[in-house]
C-alpha atoms as a PDB file:
ATOM      1  CA  MET A   1      -1.931 -10.126   2.629  1.00  0.00           C
ATOM      2  CA  TYR A   2      -1.307  -7.718   5.461  1.00  0.00           C
ATOM      3  CA  VAL A   3      -3.571  -4.949   6.648  1.00  0.00           C
ATOM      4  CA  ILE A   4      -1.388  -2.184   8.005  1.00  0.00           C
ATOM      5  CA  ASN A   5      -2.059  -1.629  11.692  1.00  0.00           C
ATOM      6  CA  LEU A   6      -1.769   2.042  12.671  1.00  0.00           C
ATOM      7  CA  LYS A   7       0.253   0.886  15.674  1.00  0.00           C
ATOM      8  CA  TYR A   8       3.028  -0.081  13.257  1.00  0.00           C
ATOM      9  CA  ILE A   9       3.296   3.223  11.400  1.00  0.00           C
ATOM     10  CA  ILE A  10       6.182   5.028  13.037  1.00  0.00           C
ATOM     11  CA  PRO A  11       8.564   7.870  12.267  1.00  0.00           C
ATOM     12  CA  LEU A  12      12.006   6.875  11.038  1.00  0.00           C
ATOM     13  CA  THR A  13      13.624   8.784  13.901  1.00  0.00           C
ATOM     14  CA  ASP A  14      11.634   6.783  16.485  1.00  0.00           C
ATOM     15  CA  PHE A  15      12.634   3.547  14.758  1.00  0.00           C
ATOM     16  CA  ARG A  16      16.276   4.578  14.679  1.00  0.00           C
ATOM     17  CA  ASN A  17      16.179   5.439  18.387  1.00  0.00           C
ATOM     18  CA  ASN A  18      14.431   2.182  19.341  1.00  0.00           C
ATOM     19  CA  VAL A  19      15.644  -0.394  16.821  1.00  0.00           C
ATOM     20  CA  LYS A  20      15.804  -3.291  19.311  1.00  0.00           C
ATOM     21  CA  LYS A  21      12.256  -2.639  20.520  1.00  0.00           C
ATOM     22  CA  TYR A  22      10.821  -2.613  16.994  1.00  0.00           C
ATOM     23  CA  LEU A  23      12.793  -5.649  15.843  1.00  0.00           C
ATOM     24  CA  HIS A  24      11.409  -7.501  18.846  1.00  0.00           C
ATOM     25  CA  GLU A  25       7.859  -6.352  17.945  1.00  0.00           C
ATOM     26  CA  LEU A  26       8.468  -7.539  14.408  1.00  0.00           C
ATOM     27  CA  SER A  27       9.624 -10.977  15.523  1.00  0.00           C
ATOM     28  CA  VAL A  28       6.675 -11.419  17.894  1.00  0.00           C
ATOM     29  CA  HIS A  29       3.756  -9.941  15.938  1.00  0.00           C
ATOM     30  CA  LYS A  30       4.968 -10.602  12.365  1.00  0.00           C
ATOM     31  CA  GLN A  31       3.295  -7.357  11.256  1.00  0.00           C
ATOM     32  CA  PRO A  32       5.015  -5.048   8.766  1.00  0.00           C
ATOM     33  CA  ILE A  33       6.297  -1.764  10.135  1.00  0.00           C
ATOM     34  CA  VAL A  34       5.809   1.318   7.972  1.00  0.00           C
ATOM     35  CA  LEU A  35       8.482   3.953   8.507  1.00  0.00           C
ATOM     36  CA  THR A  36       7.597   7.549   7.788  1.00  0.00           C
ATOM     37  CA  GLN A  37       9.857  10.451   6.948  1.00  0.00           C
ATOM     38  CA  ASN A  38       8.519  13.989   6.987  1.00  0.00           C
ATOM     39  CA  GLY A  39       5.019  12.564   7.514  1.00  0.00           C
ATOM     40  CA  LYS A  40       5.097  10.376   4.391  1.00  0.00           C
ATOM     41  CA  SER A  41       5.665   6.641   4.087  1.00  0.00           C
ATOM     42  CA  ALA A  42       9.295   5.962   3.272  1.00  0.00           C
ATOM     43  CA  ALA A  43       9.887   2.241   3.830  1.00  0.00           C
ATOM     44  CA  VAL A  44       8.312  -0.985   5.035  1.00  0.00           C
ATOM     45  CA  ILE A  45      10.128  -3.464   7.254  1.00  0.00           C
ATOM     46  CA  LEU A  46       9.151  -7.150   7.325  1.00  0.00           C
ATOM     47  CA  ASP A  47      10.498 -10.089   9.272  1.00  0.00           C
ATOM     48  CA  ALA A  48      12.681 -12.356   7.135  1.00  0.00           C
ATOM     49  CA  ALA A  49      10.198 -15.264   6.983  1.00  0.00           C
ATOM     50  CA  SER A  50       7.354 -13.014   5.812  1.00  0.00           C
ATOM     51  CA  TYR A  51       9.610 -11.426   3.214  1.00  0.00           C
ATOM     52  CA  GLN A  52      10.632 -14.848   1.882  1.00  0.00           C
ATOM     53  CA  GLN A  53       7.011 -15.993   1.774  1.00  0.00           C
ATOM     54  CA  MET A  54       6.095 -12.865  -0.192  1.00  0.00           C
ATOM     55  CA  GLN A  55       8.961 -13.479  -2.638  1.00  0.00           C
ATOM     56  CA  ASP A  56       7.890 -17.115  -3.090  1.00  0.00           C
ATOM     57  CA  GLN A  57       4.292 -16.055  -3.762  1.00  0.00           C
ATOM     58  CA  MET A  58       5.399 -13.467  -6.320  1.00  0.00           C
ATOM     59  CA  GLU A  59       7.583 -16.028  -8.097  1.00  0.00           C
ATOM     60  CA  PHE A  60       4.680 -18.484  -8.195  1.00  0.00           C
ATOM     61  CA  MET A  61       2.392 -15.808  -9.651  1.00  0.00           C
ATOM     62  CA  ARG A  62       5.035 -14.916 -12.276  1.00  0.00           C
ATOM     63  CA  LYS A  63       5.164 -18.559 -13.335  1.00  0.00           C
ATOM     64  CA  VAL A  64       1.365 -18.800 -13.487  1.00  0.00           C
ATOM     65  CA  ALA A  65       1.204 -15.622 -15.590  1.00  0.00           C
ATOM     66  CA  THR A  66       3.918 -16.959 -17.918  1.00  0.00           C
ATOM     67  CA  GLY A  67       2.086 -20.265 -18.299  1.00  0.00           C
ATOM     68  CA  LEU A  68      -1.208 -18.515 -19.064  1.00  0.00           C
ATOM     69  CA  GLN A  69       0.508 -16.294 -21.630  1.00  0.00           C
ATOM     70  CA  GLU A  70       2.134 -19.316 -23.270  1.00  0.00           C
ATOM     71  CA  GLN A  71      -1.242 -21.053 -23.417  1.00  0.00           C
ATOM     72  CA  ARG A  72      -2.877 -17.977 -25.004  1.00  0.00           C
ATOM     73  CA  GLU A  73      -0.092 -17.906 -27.594  1.00  0.00           C
ATOM     74  CA  ASP A  74      -0.515 -21.653 -28.184  1.00  0.00           C
ATOM     75  CA  ARG A  75       3.027 -22.338 -26.986  1.00  0.00           C
ATOM     76  CA  SER A  76       2.001 -24.908 -24.381  1.00  0.00           C
ATOM     77  CA  VAL A  77       2.648 -28.635 -24.607  1.00  0.00           C
ATOM     78  CA  GLY A  78       0.102 -31.242 -23.557  1.00  0.00           C
ATOM     79  CA  LEU A  79       0.697 -33.761 -20.787  1.00  0.00           C
ATOM     80  CA  GLU A  80       0.785 -36.650 -23.259  1.00  0.00           C
ATOM     81  CA  GLN A  81       3.573 -34.965 -25.250  1.00  0.00           C
ATOM     82  CA  VAL A  82       5.569 -34.283 -22.095  1.00  0.00           C
ATOM     83  CA  SER A  83       5.130 -37.886 -20.979  1.00  0.00           C
ATOM     84  CA  ASN A  84       6.294 -39.166 -24.390  1.00  0.00           C
ATOM     85  CA  ASP A  85       9.302 -36.839 -24.320  1.00  0.00           C
ATOM     86  CA  ILE A  86      10.277 -38.062 -20.857  1.00  0.00           C
ATOM     87  CA  ASP A  87       9.950 -41.675 -21.996  1.00  0.00           C
ATOM     88  CA  LEU A  88      12.264 -40.953 -24.946  1.00  0.00           C
ATOM     89  CA  ILE A  89      14.842 -39.347 -22.663  1.00  0.00           C
ATOM     90  CA  LEU A  90      14.751 -42.197 -20.142  1.00  0.00           C
ATOM     91  CA  SER A  91      14.937 -45.009 -22.719  1.00  0.00           C
END
């Protein structure tokens, strides 16, 4: 998880005028940049690798939550049953 560094909270106009500078900062420091518009946060920019990592983590958490919900609703299948089913498929 990122802690937003005040150094990386910048007005949209400044970002627009210095895109190359901020993209370089992003690639070096890997810190999200918060863009403000009229003094309020408007967008967050991440480097591509950090964005992908965040997406992967969210997908993993979705799957964990789904599995826990299925277990609560008694819709899960035990390892022995899965193993038997695989054996049936492969035979």
